[in-house]
Amino acid sequence: MFASSNPEHAVRLSNRRSEELDPVELACEMNRCGAGAWLERVNSMTRFADDIIIRRATAEDTASIASVLEQAFAGYKSLYTHDAYAATTPGIKEVASRLNEGPGWVALHGDQLVGTVSIVLKHERIYIRGMAVLPSARGLGIGYRLLDEIESFARANQCTDLFLSTTPFLSHAIRLYERFGFRRTDEEPHELFGTPLFMMEKTVSIVVGEQFRQQPSGIQLDESEISTMASVPSWGEIESAWEFLKRHFAPTRLIPARSLAKGSEVEVFLKLESELPTGSFKVRGALYALHVAMSNKRLTEVVAASTGNHGAAVAYAAKTLGLKAKIFLPHNANPVKQSRIRELGAEIIAFGKDISDASAGAEQYTHKSRGFLLNDATNPHVPAGTATIAIEIINQLPDVTSIWVPMGDTALIRGIASAAKYVRADVRVVGLQAERAPAYYLSWKQGTRVVTETCDTIADGLATRIPIEENIIAIRELVDEVRLVTEEQMLDAVAHLQLKEKIRAEPAAAAATSAWLADSSAKSYGKTVLLVTGCNISESVLTEALSRANKTRN
């Protein structure tokens, strides 16, 4: 057995580097600390992270590796026994011996070694050991990148099983391993010289890249079957989006939701997209799409129409990439989301009664100006960004059976469904729409475009009334089922997530959870992932949801 050496927690670049905050609190940090200070911290950390180089360790690195191990674990010394601490922080000779037993990797910032890990191969199994990141370099995703190197090595050497031992008190390291797809084994806890340890394992079944289809876990669709559809990204573009976005933030957490399990054989997981910058999944598509547009031509301003989350994502992307942003919002837009957009430096234009009106206003403006219109319902690159969610899910949970996805303008579900079907055609993708905004549900069901007169729903992220033909074709080909959820069901799900799982979610983000709670047959669905897509809920709506929950209990 090998003691893990990684207290590094590899949180998103947007997170406050604090040992005291709960991860749920971190998800909505930007609202509290202010966009200016937050962006300054993110930009500084991003510059540092971009300079990190990962390479194979050599004999010349042994002294620096020993030093990193000592510094990384100094703060935890009192929690180990004397002998266990000595084994966890080996000296130069022991480090050299380990490198002779198996390969190692180091992370460098300039000439400084800031992270390290090594492995040993036994009976076609890889055991990870000696993993550590300097305290001054934590929070930049270095631990994740080191694990990624190990996984690439495993695939190249046809090793499908990764193992590590860790201590219960290294909670941040455990969260990193879980995010990377490790799960606790059934093996009984053991000790290293009197310090408690437990084993974690991961089965390597897929990879993003050329080898992705070499270890299939289901019947995959040929790329030509999908990429010829309108509004669906090619596999090559999904790979490009993955490579670009992983430089900006780490994969979001996939956590078990025991309060939602409906039987002994049911496992339910929550994919916390609310932990991304701006508190919503939308930043994936906006950042990647704007990056592609800027690669093709010189831009000075980006324009978007939104009910809130897409607008904040575009504002964030524009700020990150150095552009001005103008966001058209309906007059009744969520005040929390309006505030977030303003904090990111974008100009807000109030226009019309709903997203369709706001979109018309944005189009009129761009016809008269030189701005670039980033419409997430029609932009061909946005779904490539959201497709990376499915890649993360299948990496984190290779035997997932179904993914439940809130469905507004369909960019999210088109991306997720296309990536899932490329890799695992047997994964069931379920879309959820608001009962009071059913345009895409009706269009999916009837096979023709159905326009509704209104989309008056508490779930502003699902409020669409004019479907787009190409998007209908795509979801009819890729989405296995579409369901409707009521206003009351979404409010109840908001309360359930807040009270039972300590997760803050807006109504649209709780749509998948609401459908799951309402489904009496859900116990037959195996391993299910429910997306939680955003945390930008107004206090009035949250109060209403919690009040309903209190009345139900009483």
Protein backbone atom coordinates (compact mmCIF):
# COMPACT_ATOMS: atom_id res chain seq x y z
CA MET A 1 0.00 0.00 0.00
CA PHE A 2 1.16 3.51 -0.70
CA ALA A 3 0.23 6.61 1.23
CA SER A 4 -1.16 9.42 -0.87
CA SER A 5 0.71 12.70 -0.56
CA ASN A 6 -1.76 15.28 -1.81
CA PRO A 7 -3.55 17.83 0.34
CA GLU A 8 -3.95 19.89 -2.84
CA HIS A 9 -7.61 20.48 -3.54
CA ALA A 10 -7.50 21.55 -7.21
CA VAL A 11 -10.50 23.86 -6.95
CA ARG A 12 -11.73 26.01 -9.80
CA LEU A 13 -9.73 29.17 -10.54
CA SER A 14 -12.78 31.18 -9.50
CA ASN A 15 -12.74 29.78 -5.96
CA ARG A 16 -11.41 31.64 -2.99
CA ARG A 17 -8.31 29.81 -1.79
CA SER A 18 -9.64 29.20 1.70
CA GLU A 19 -9.63 26.15 3.92
CA GLU A 20 -12.59 27.51 5.89
CA LEU A 21 -15.36 27.79 3.27
CA ASP A 22 -17.73 24.98 2.39
CA PRO A 23 -17.56 24.05 -1.34
CA VAL A 24 -21.27 24.87 -1.69
CA GLU A 25 -20.60 28.39 -0.45
CA LEU A 26 -17.77 28.78 -2.93
CA ALA A 27 -20.10 28.20 -5.85
CA CYS A 28 -21.71 31.62 -5.49
CA GLU A 29 -18.64 33.46 -4.20
CA MET A 30 -18.55 36.09 -6.93
CA ASN A 31 -21.83 37.61 -5.75
CA ARG A 32 -20.32 38.23 -2.34
CA CYS A 33 -16.74 39.32 -3.00
CA GLY A 34 -17.41 41.55 -6.01
CA ALA A 35 -16.48 40.95 -9.63
CA GLY A 36 -13.52 43.33 -9.66
CA ALA A 37 -11.50 41.62 -6.92
CA TRP A 38 -12.67 38.22 -8.11
CA LEU A 39 -11.55 38.77 -11.71
CA GLU A 40 -8.23 40.22 -10.60
CA ARG A 41 -7.57 37.08 -8.56
CA VAL A 42 -8.71 34.81 -11.41
CA ASN A 43 -6.53 36.60 -13.96
CA SER A 44 -3.48 36.42 -11.69
CA MET A 45 -4.00 32.73 -10.96
CA THR A 46 -4.69 31.98 -14.64
CA ARG A 47 -1.41 33.58 -15.69
CA PHE A 48 0.43 31.46 -13.13
CA ALA A 49 -1.43 28.28 -14.14
CA ASP A 50 -0.75 28.87 -17.84
CA ASP A 51 2.99 28.84 -17.10
CA ILE A 52 2.90 25.41 -15.44
CA ILE A 53 4.71 22.65 -17.34
CA ILE A 54 4.26 18.94 -16.57
CA ARG A 55 7.10 16.57 -17.51
CA ARG A 56 8.57 13.21 -16.49
CA ALA A 57 10.74 13.29 -13.38
CA THR A 58 14.47 12.62 -13.66
CA ALA A 59 17.22 11.74 -11.19
CA GLU A 60 18.17 15.43 -11.05
CA ASP A 61 14.76 16.22 -9.55
CA THR A 62 15.08 14.04 -6.43
CA ALA A 63 16.15 16.79 -4.01
CA SER A 64 13.40 19.14 -5.20
CA ILE A 65 10.79 16.36 -5.01
CA ALA A 66 11.77 15.57 -1.42
CA SER A 67 11.52 19.28 -0.57
CA VAL A 68 8.04 19.60 -2.12
CA LEU A 69 6.81 16.55 -0.19
CA GLU A 70 8.12 18.00 3.08
CA GLN A 71 6.60 21.45 2.50
CA ALA A 72 3.28 20.06 1.29
CA PHE A 73 2.77 17.94 4.40
CA ALA A 74 4.26 20.17 7.08
CA GLY A 75 0.82 21.48 8.01
CA TYR A 76 -0.50 17.94 8.55
CA LYS A 77 2.45 16.56 10.53
CA SER A 78 0.60 16.43 13.83
CA LEU A 79 -2.10 14.19 12.32
CA TYR A 80 0.38 11.44 11.39
CA THR A 81 2.33 9.12 13.62
CA HIS A 82 6.08 9.72 13.50
CA ASP A 83 6.78 6.71 11.28
CA ALA A 84 3.82 7.37 8.98
CA TYR A 85 4.91 10.96 8.43
CA ALA A 86 8.45 9.76 7.62
CA ALA A 87 7.04 7.34 5.03
CA THR A 88 4.84 10.04 3.53
CA THR A 89 7.71 12.55 3.22
CA PRO A 90 10.66 10.43 2.06
CA GLY A 91 14.19 11.80 1.80
CA ILE A 92 16.33 12.11 -1.31
CA LYS A 93 17.54 8.49 -1.32
CA GLU A 94 14.02 7.07 -0.96
CA VAL A 95 12.72 9.39 -3.70
CA ALA A 96 15.48 8.15 -6.01
CA SER A 97 14.57 4.56 -5.14
CA ARG A 98 10.90 5.20 -5.98
CA LEU A 99 11.82 6.68 -9.37
CA ASN A 100 13.76 3.49 -10.09
CA GLU A 101 10.67 1.42 -9.24
CA GLY A 102 8.32 3.36 -11.49
CA PRO A 103 7.96 6.64 -13.40
CA GLY A 104 7.19 9.98 -11.82
CA TRP A 105 6.07 13.39 -13.01
CA VAL A 106 6.80 16.92 -11.86
CA ALA A 107 5.05 20.26 -12.31
CA LEU A 108 7.31 23.23 -12.97
CA HIS A 109 6.72 26.96 -12.79
CA GLY A 110 9.78 28.41 -14.45
CA ASP A 111 12.72 26.72 -12.73
CA GLN A 112 10.78 25.93 -9.56
CA LEU A 113 9.36 22.47 -8.98
CA VAL A 114 5.87 22.99 -7.51
CA GLY A 115 4.23 19.56 -7.73
CA THR A 116 5.07 15.88 -8.00
CA VAL A 117 3.64 12.36 -8.23
CA SER A 118 4.99 8.87 -8.89
CA ILE A 119 3.57 5.43 -9.56
CA VAL A 120 4.48 1.79 -9.32
CA LEU A 121 3.11 -0.90 -11.64
CA LYS A 122 2.12 -4.23 -10.05
CA HIS A 123 0.29 -7.03 -11.83
CA GLU A 124 -1.04 -4.66 -14.52
CA ARG A 125 -2.35 -2.31 -11.82
CA ILE A 126 -1.04 1.19 -11.23
CA TYR A 127 -0.55 2.39 -7.64
CA ILE A 128 -0.23 6.14 -7.17
CA ARG A 129 2.05 7.52 -4.47
CA GLY A 130 4.11 10.53 -3.53
CA MET A 131 1.62 13.13 -4.80
CA ALA A 132 2.03 16.68 -3.51
CA VAL A 133 1.73 20.33 -4.54
CA LEU A 134 3.45 23.25 -2.85
CA PRO A 135 1.04 25.22 -0.63
CA SER A 136 1.77 28.37 -2.65
CA ALA A 137 0.67 26.64 -5.88
CA ARG A 138 -2.54 25.00 -4.69
CA GLY A 139 -5.90 25.81 -6.26
CA LEU A 140 -4.56 25.91 -9.83
CA GLY A 141 -5.55 22.45 -11.00
CA ILE A 142 -1.99 21.08 -10.81
CA GLY A 143 -3.10 17.97 -8.96
CA TYR A 144 -5.67 17.26 -11.66
CA ARG A 145 -3.07 17.66 -14.40
CA LEU A 146 -0.69 15.27 -12.65
CA LEU A 147 -3.46 12.67 -12.40
CA ASP A 148 -4.22 13.24 -16.06
CA GLU A 149 -0.61 12.36 -16.93
CA ILE A 150 -0.94 9.12 -14.98
CA GLU A 151 -4.17 8.24 -16.77
CA SER A 152 -2.53 8.86 -20.16
CA PHE A 153 0.34 6.59 -19.11
CA ALA A 154 -2.18 3.93 -18.05
CA ARG A 155 -3.91 3.95 -21.43
CA ALA A 156 -0.66 3.87 -23.34
CA ASN A 157 0.35 0.79 -21.33
CA GLN A 158 -3.12 -0.82 -21.44
CA CYS A 159 -3.58 -0.60 -17.66
CA THR A 160 -7.22 -0.14 -16.73
CA ASP A 161 -7.00 -0.05 -12.91
CA LEU A 162 -5.65 2.86 -10.86
CA PHE A 163 -5.31 2.64 -7.07
CA LEU A 164 -4.22 4.93 -4.28
CA SER A 165 -4.35 5.09 -0.49
CA THR A 166 -5.22 8.26 1.36
CA THR A 167 -5.98 9.37 4.90
CA PRO A 168 -9.47 10.47 6.02
CA PHE A 169 -8.19 13.86 7.21
CA LEU A 170 -6.96 14.93 3.73
CA SER A 171 -10.48 16.02 2.73
CA HIS A 172 -9.36 18.32 -0.08
CA ALA A 173 -7.29 15.54 -1.65
CA ILE A 174 -10.25 13.16 -1.40
CA ARG A 175 -12.49 15.68 -3.19
CA LEU A 176 -9.89 15.97 -5.96
CA TYR A 177 -9.75 12.20 -6.38
CA GLU A 178 -13.54 11.95 -6.45
CA ARG A 179 -13.76 14.69 -9.07
CA PHE A 180 -11.23 12.77 -11.14
CA GLY A 181 -13.39 9.65 -10.94
CA PHE A 182 -11.89 7.71 -8.03
CA ARG A 183 -14.25 5.85 -5.67
CA ARG A 184 -13.60 4.13 -2.34
CA THR A 185 -13.05 0.40 -2.64
CA ASP A 186 -14.86 -2.24 -0.61
CA GLU A 187 -11.59 -3.06 1.12
CA GLU A 188 -11.57 -2.51 4.87
CA PRO A 189 -9.66 0.59 6.11
CA HIS A 190 -6.10 -0.15 7.17
CA GLU A 191 -3.17 1.65 8.78
CA LEU A 192 0.26 2.93 7.89
CA PHE A 193 2.31 2.83 11.09
CA GLY A 194 -0.77 3.68 13.13
CA THR A 195 -2.20 6.34 10.75
CA PRO A 196 -5.58 5.35 9.21
CA LEU A 197 -5.78 4.84 5.46
CA PHE A 198 -8.39 3.70 2.95
CA MET A 199 -8.12 2.64 -0.69
CA MET A 200 -9.60 4.40 -3.71
CA GLU A 201 -9.74 3.11 -7.26
CA LYS A 202 -10.63 4.20 -10.76
CA THR A 203 -11.26 2.10 -13.85
CA VAL A 204 -9.81 3.71 -16.97
CA SER A 205 -12.40 3.14 -19.65
CA ILE A 206 -12.30 6.17 -21.95
CA VAL A 207 -10.10 9.09 -22.87
CA VAL A 208 -10.56 12.36 -24.69
CA GLY A 209 -8.42 12.09 -27.78
CA GLU A 210 -7.45 9.67 -30.51
CA GLN A 211 -7.80 6.60 -28.26
CA PHE A 212 -11.30 7.49 -27.03
CA ARG A 213 -13.08 4.72 -28.90
CA GLN A 214 -10.50 2.02 -28.24
CA GLN A 215 -12.11 0.99 -24.94
CA PRO A 216 -15.84 1.16 -25.68
CA SER A 217 -18.35 0.76 -22.88
CA GLY A 218 -21.36 0.76 -25.17
CA ILE A 219 -22.34 0.81 -28.84
CA GLN A 220 -21.04 4.09 -30.24
CA LEU A 221 -22.46 6.04 -33.12
CA ASP A 222 -20.28 6.69 -36.10
CA GLU A 223 -19.28 10.36 -36.20
CA SER A 224 -20.89 10.81 -39.62
CA GLU A 225 -24.24 9.83 -38.13
CA ILE A 226 -24.13 12.79 -35.78
CA SER A 227 -21.95 15.51 -37.28
CA THR A 228 -24.14 15.79 -40.38
CA MET A 229 -27.05 16.91 -38.20
CA ALA A 230 -27.69 20.61 -37.97
CA SER A 231 -26.76 22.34 -34.70
CA VAL A 232 -24.57 19.46 -33.46
CA PRO A 233 -20.79 19.75 -32.92
CA SER A 234 -18.34 17.38 -34.57
CA TRP A 235 -16.16 15.16 -32.45
CA GLY A 236 -13.11 17.17 -33.47
CA GLU A 237 -14.68 20.38 -32.22
CA ILE A 238 -15.66 18.78 -28.93
CA GLU A 239 -12.01 17.81 -28.47
CA SER A 240 -10.94 21.38 -29.29
CA ALA A 241 -13.41 22.77 -26.76
CA TRP A 242 -12.15 20.33 -24.12
CA GLU A 243 -8.53 21.33 -24.66
CA PHE A 244 -9.37 25.04 -24.53
CA LEU A 245 -11.74 25.00 -21.55
CA LYS A 246 -9.61 22.81 -19.31
CA ARG A 247 -7.07 25.66 -19.26
CA HIS A 248 -9.68 27.90 -17.67
CA PHE A 249 -11.38 25.68 -15.10
CA ALA A 250 -11.28 22.15 -13.73
CA PRO A 251 -14.15 19.68 -14.17
CA THR A 252 -17.12 20.37 -11.93
CA ARG A 253 -17.92 17.96 -9.13
CA LEU A 254 -20.13 14.91 -9.55
CA ILE A 255 -21.47 14.01 -6.11
CA PRO A 256 -23.76 11.24 -4.84
CA ALA A 257 -27.22 12.44 -3.74
CA ARG A 258 -28.39 9.92 -1.16
CA SER A 259 -31.56 11.88 -0.41
CA LEU A 260 -32.70 11.19 -4.00
CA ALA A 261 -32.04 7.44 -4.10
CA LYS A 262 -35.33 5.54 -4.40
CA GLY A 263 -34.14 2.01 -3.86
CA SER A 264 -31.18 -0.07 -2.81
CA GLU A 265 -30.09 -0.53 -6.43
CA VAL A 266 -30.44 3.12 -7.41
CA GLU A 267 -27.54 5.57 -7.43
CA VAL A 268 -28.23 9.23 -8.13
CA PHE A 269 -25.52 11.81 -8.72
CA LEU A 270 -25.65 15.60 -9.05
CA LYS A 271 -23.41 17.33 -11.61
CA LEU A 272 -22.70 20.74 -10.07
CA GLU A 273 -22.39 23.11 -13.03
CA SER A 274 -23.40 25.84 -10.58
CA GLU A 275 -19.77 25.80 -9.36
CA LEU A 276 -18.43 27.34 -12.57
CA PRO A 277 -17.55 31.04 -12.89
CA THR A 278 -20.76 33.14 -12.96
CA GLY A 279 -22.55 30.28 -11.16
CA SER A 280 -23.85 28.60 -14.32
CA PHE A 281 -22.93 26.07 -17.05
CA LYS A 282 -23.34 28.82 -19.65
CA VAL A 283 -19.73 29.96 -19.35
CA ARG A 284 -18.56 26.80 -21.14
CA GLY A 285 -20.30 27.63 -24.40
CA ALA A 286 -19.83 31.39 -24.23
CA LEU A 287 -16.10 31.30 -23.54
CA TYR A 288 -15.35 28.71 -26.21
CA ALA A 289 -17.60 30.29 -28.86
CA LEU A 290 -16.11 33.75 -28.31
CA HIS A 291 -12.60 32.28 -28.44
CA VAL A 292 -13.39 30.69 -31.83
CA ALA A 293 -14.90 33.93 -33.16
CA MET A 294 -11.85 35.94 -32.11
CA SER A 295 -9.59 33.39 -33.78
CA ASN A 296 -11.39 33.98 -37.08
CA LYS A 297 -11.61 37.77 -37.10
CA ARG A 298 -10.86 40.88 -35.09
CA LEU A 299 -13.66 41.81 -32.70
CA THR A 300 -14.21 44.89 -30.56
CA GLU A 301 -17.62 44.16 -29.01
CA VAL A 302 -19.77 41.11 -28.32
CA VAL A 303 -23.57 41.33 -28.09
CA ALA A 304 -25.96 38.82 -26.54
CA ALA A 305 -29.62 38.42 -25.58
CA SER A 306 -30.38 36.53 -22.42
CA THR A 307 -32.69 35.96 -19.47
CA GLY A 308 -29.58 36.29 -17.34
CA ASN A 309 -27.14 33.37 -17.19
CA HIS A 310 -26.02 33.49 -20.83
CA GLY A 311 -25.60 37.23 -20.48
CA ALA A 312 -23.37 36.81 -17.43
CA ALA A 313 -21.39 34.12 -19.23
CA VAL A 314 -20.83 36.36 -22.26
CA ALA A 315 -19.88 39.25 -19.98
CA TYR A 316 -17.37 36.99 -18.22
CA ALA A 317 -15.98 35.69 -21.52
CA ALA A 318 -15.66 39.23 -22.89
CA LYS A 319 -13.88 40.40 -19.75
CA THR A 320 -11.55 37.41 -19.85
CA LEU A 321 -10.71 37.86 -23.54
CA GLY A 322 -10.53 41.66 -23.48
CA LEU A 323 -13.72 42.77 -25.27
CA LYS A 324 -16.63 45.08 -24.54
CA ALA A 325 -20.02 43.42 -24.01
CA LYS A 326 -23.60 44.61 -24.49
CA ILE A 327 -26.36 42.37 -23.09
CA PHE A 328 -30.05 42.64 -24.03
CA LEU A 329 -32.36 41.43 -21.25
CA PRO A 330 -36.16 41.25 -20.95
CA HIS A 331 -37.61 43.94 -18.71
CA ASN A 332 -38.45 41.41 -16.00
CA ALA A 333 -35.00 39.76 -15.87
CA ASN A 334 -33.78 38.19 -12.64
CA PRO A 335 -32.24 40.99 -10.50
CA VAL A 336 -29.48 38.70 -9.19
CA LYS A 337 -28.39 37.93 -12.74
CA GLN A 338 -28.63 41.58 -13.77
CA SER A 339 -26.34 42.51 -10.90
CA ARG A 340 -23.81 39.87 -11.88
CA ILE A 341 -23.73 41.10 -15.50
CA ARG A 342 -23.14 44.69 -14.39
CA GLU A 343 -20.36 43.64 -12.01
CA LEU A 344 -18.59 42.01 -14.92
CA GLY A 345 -18.51 45.34 -16.74
CA ALA A 346 -21.10 44.70 -19.46
CA GLU A 347 -23.72 47.21 -20.56
CA ILE A 348 -27.33 46.09 -20.05
CA ILE A 349 -30.13 47.00 -22.46
CA ALA A 350 -33.65 46.22 -21.19
CA PHE A 351 -35.74 45.17 -24.19
CA GLY A 352 -39.10 43.42 -24.56
CA LYS A 353 -41.16 41.04 -22.48
CA ASP A 354 -39.18 37.80 -22.94
CA ILE A 355 -36.09 36.23 -24.47
CA SER A 356 -37.56 36.25 -28.00
CA ASP A 357 -38.08 40.01 -27.83
CA ALA A 358 -34.63 40.57 -26.34
CA SER A 359 -33.09 38.46 -29.12
CA ALA A 360 -34.83 40.59 -31.74
CA GLY A 361 -33.44 43.71 -30.11
CA ALA A 362 -29.92 42.31 -30.07
CA GLU A 363 -30.17 41.38 -33.76
CA GLN A 364 -31.39 44.86 -34.68
CA TYR A 365 -28.49 46.42 -32.81
CA THR A 366 -25.82 44.23 -34.44
CA HIS A 367 -27.20 44.99 -37.92
CA LYS A 368 -26.48 48.65 -37.25
CA SER A 369 -23.20 48.22 -35.37
CA ARG A 370 -20.01 46.23 -35.81
CA GLY A 371 -20.70 44.03 -32.79
CA PHE A 372 -20.53 40.24 -32.85
CA LEU A 373 -23.82 38.59 -31.88
CA LEU A 374 -23.32 35.52 -29.70
CA ASN A 375 -26.69 33.76 -29.73
CA ASP A 376 -26.38 30.53 -27.76
CA ALA A 377 -29.45 29.07 -29.50
CA THR A 378 -27.91 29.37 -32.98
CA ASN A 379 -24.14 29.73 -32.56
CA PRO A 380 -22.56 26.49 -33.88
CA HIS A 381 -19.72 26.50 -31.34
CA VAL A 382 -21.70 26.86 -28.09
CA PRO A 383 -22.81 23.18 -28.00
CA ALA A 384 -19.18 22.08 -28.30
CA GLY A 385 -18.56 23.86 -25.00
CA THR A 386 -21.52 22.25 -23.28
CA ALA A 387 -20.54 18.85 -24.73
CA THR A 388 -17.56 18.83 -22.37
CA ILE A 389 -20.03 18.24 -19.52
CA ALA A 390 -20.85 14.80 -20.90
CA ILE A 391 -17.16 13.97 -21.29
CA GLU A 392 -16.59 14.86 -17.64
CA ILE A 393 -19.57 12.79 -16.51
CA ILE A 394 -18.46 9.67 -18.37
CA ASN A 395 -14.91 10.10 -17.11
CA GLN A 396 -16.19 10.48 -13.55
CA LEU A 397 -18.85 7.75 -13.79
CA PRO A 398 -18.01 5.37 -16.67
CA ASP A 399 -21.08 3.18 -16.10
CA VAL A 400 -23.63 6.01 -16.02
CA THR A 401 -26.99 4.87 -17.43
CA SER A 402 -28.88 8.16 -17.87
CA ILE A 403 -28.28 11.91 -17.84
CA TRP A 404 -31.17 14.30 -17.08
CA VAL A 405 -30.76 17.78 -18.55
CA PRO A 406 -32.80 21.02 -18.18
CA MET A 407 -33.78 22.21 -21.67
CA GLY A 408 -34.24 25.85 -22.64
CA ASP A 409 -32.81 26.94 -25.99
CA THR A 410 -31.35 23.36 -26.32
CA ALA A 411 -27.65 24.33 -26.64
CA LEU A 412 -26.96 22.47 -23.39
CA ILE A 413 -28.75 19.24 -24.26
CA ARG A 414 -27.54 19.22 -27.88
CA GLY A 415 -23.95 19.36 -26.67
CA ILE A 416 -24.38 16.79 -23.91
CA ALA A 417 -26.39 14.36 -26.05
CA SER A 418 -24.00 14.53 -29.00
CA ALA A 419 -20.90 13.85 -26.86
CA ALA A 420 -22.66 11.09 -24.94
CA LYS A 421 -23.81 9.35 -28.12
CA TYR A 422 -20.35 9.55 -29.69
CA VAL A 423 -18.97 7.63 -26.74
CA ARG A 424 -21.84 5.66 -25.22
CA ALA A 425 -24.88 5.34 -27.48
CA ASP A 426 -26.63 3.39 -24.73
CA VAL A 427 -26.63 6.35 -22.31
CA ARG A 428 -30.18 7.65 -22.02
CA VAL A 429 -30.53 11.44 -22.30
CA VAL A 430 -33.68 12.97 -20.81
CA GLY A 431 -34.65 16.61 -21.38
CA LEU A 432 -36.77 18.65 -18.98
CA GLN A 433 -38.87 21.68 -19.92
CA ALA A 434 -41.13 23.92 -17.89
CA GLU A 435 -44.82 23.12 -18.32
CA ARG A 436 -45.47 26.83 -18.83
CA ALA A 437 -42.79 27.09 -21.55
CA PRO A 438 -43.30 23.86 -23.56
CA ALA A 439 -42.33 24.97 -27.08
CA TYR A 440 -39.45 22.53 -27.58
CA TYR A 441 -41.30 19.73 -25.78
CA LEU A 442 -44.26 20.09 -28.15
CA SER A 443 -41.94 20.39 -31.15
CA TRP A 444 -39.96 17.30 -30.11
CA LYS A 445 -43.16 15.32 -29.60
CA GLN A 446 -44.97 16.40 -32.78
CA GLY A 447 -41.99 16.51 -35.14
CA THR A 448 -42.71 20.03 -36.32
CA ARG A 449 -42.08 23.51 -34.96
CA VAL A 450 -44.64 24.60 -32.38
CA VAL A 451 -44.54 28.25 -31.29
CA THR A 452 -46.21 29.24 -28.02
CA GLU A 453 -47.65 32.67 -27.31
CA THR A 454 -46.07 32.92 -23.87
CA CYS A 455 -43.32 31.34 -21.79
CA ASP A 456 -44.29 32.71 -18.40
CA THR A 457 -42.36 30.48 -16.03
CA ILE A 458 -40.48 30.94 -12.80
CA ALA A 459 -37.61 29.08 -14.51
CA ASP A 460 -36.27 31.93 -16.65
CA GLY A 461 -33.49 29.69 -17.94
CA LEU A 462 -36.12 27.48 -19.62
CA ALA A 463 -38.26 30.33 -20.95
CA THR A 464 -38.34 29.85 -24.73
CA ARG A 465 -41.38 30.13 -27.00
CA ILE A 466 -40.02 30.15 -30.59
CA PRO A 467 -38.10 26.95 -31.38
CA ILE A 468 -35.49 26.79 -34.14
CA GLU A 469 -35.97 24.15 -36.84
CA GLU A 470 -32.38 22.88 -36.83
CA ASN A 471 -32.44 22.47 -33.06
CA ILE A 472 -35.67 20.47 -33.24
CA ILE A 473 -34.09 18.10 -35.75
CA ALA A 474 -31.07 17.63 -33.47
CA ILE A 475 -32.98 16.90 -30.27
CA ARG A 476 -35.37 14.52 -32.04
CA GLU A 477 -32.35 12.53 -33.22
CA LEU A 478 -30.32 12.60 -30.01
CA VAL A 479 -32.64 13.06 -27.02
CA ASP A 480 -34.37 9.89 -25.81
CA GLU A 481 -37.17 11.56 -23.88
CA VAL A 482 -38.48 15.02 -23.02
CA ARG A 483 -40.65 15.68 -19.95
CA LEU A 484 -42.49 18.66 -18.52
CA VAL A 485 -42.22 19.87 -14.93
CA THR A 486 -44.58 22.21 -13.10
CA GLU A 487 -43.74 25.43 -11.30
CA GLU A 488 -44.56 23.78 -7.98
CA GLN A 489 -42.33 20.78 -8.71
CA MET A 490 -39.37 23.04 -9.48
CA LEU A 491 -39.89 25.07 -6.30
CA ASP A 492 -40.07 21.87 -4.28
CA ALA A 493 -36.85 20.67 -5.90
CA VAL A 494 -35.13 23.97 -5.09
CA ALA A 495 -36.08 23.45 -1.44
CA HIS A 496 -35.04 19.80 -1.49
CA LEU A 497 -31.60 20.58 -2.87
CA GLN A 498 -31.11 23.40 -0.37
CA LEU A 499 -32.32 21.51 2.69
CA LYS A 500 -31.26 17.94 1.96
CA GLU A 501 -28.12 18.36 -0.15
CA LYS A 502 -27.02 21.89 0.89
CA ILE A 503 -26.93 22.95 -2.76
CA ARG A 504 -28.20 26.32 -3.94
CA ALA A 505 -30.08 26.03 -7.23
CA GLU A 506 -32.35 28.27 -9.27
CA PRO A 507 -35.64 26.80 -10.58
CA ALA A 508 -34.32 25.94 -14.05
CA ALA A 509 -31.28 24.31 -12.49
CA ALA A 510 -33.56 22.18 -10.31
CA ALA A 511 -35.68 20.95 -13.24
CA ALA A 512 -33.90 17.59 -13.49
CA THR A 513 -34.23 17.03 -9.75
CA SER A 514 -37.91 17.99 -9.84
CA ALA A 515 -38.64 15.46 -12.61
CA TRP A 516 -36.75 12.77 -10.72
CA LEU A 517 -38.67 13.44 -7.49
CA ALA A 518 -41.97 13.25 -9.39
CA ASP A 519 -41.15 9.93 -11.09
CA SER A 520 -42.42 6.95 -9.11
CA SER A 521 -40.63 4.52 -11.44
CA ALA A 522 -37.22 6.16 -11.15
CA LYS A 523 -35.87 3.31 -9.05
CA SER A 524 -35.38 1.26 -12.23
CA TYR A 525 -33.02 3.70 -13.93
CA GLY A 526 -29.65 2.55 -12.54
CA LYS A 527 -26.89 5.13 -12.21
CA THR A 528 -28.46 8.48 -13.02
CA VAL A 529 -26.88 11.93 -13.24
CA LEU A 530 -29.07 14.99 -12.66
CA LEU A 531 -27.63 18.29 -13.84
CA VAL A 532 -27.70 21.28 -11.48
CA THR A 533 -27.08 24.05 -13.97
CA GLY A 534 -27.02 27.30 -11.98
CA CYS A 535 -27.17 28.87 -8.52
CA ASN A 536 -28.39 32.38 -9.44
CA ILE A 537 -31.69 32.39 -7.62
CA SER A 538 -33.35 35.55 -6.33
CA GLU A 539 -33.99 35.74 -2.59
CA SER A 540 -37.74 36.09 -3.17
CA VAL A 541 -37.94 32.84 -5.15
CA LEU A 542 -35.76 30.99 -2.64
CA THR A 543 -37.94 32.25 0.19
CA GLU A 544 -41.05 31.05 -1.65
CA ALA A 545 -39.54 27.60 -2.17
CA LEU A 546 -38.49 27.22 1.46
CA SER A 547 -41.86 28.51 2.66
CA ARG A 548 -43.61 25.82 0.60
CA ALA A 549 -41.35 23.20 2.15
CA ASN A 550 -42.14 24.42 5.67
CA LYS A 551 -45.88 24.29 5.00
CA THR A 552 -45.56 20.76 3.63
CA ARG A 553 -43.70 19.59 6.75
CA ASN A 554 -46.24 21.23 9.03
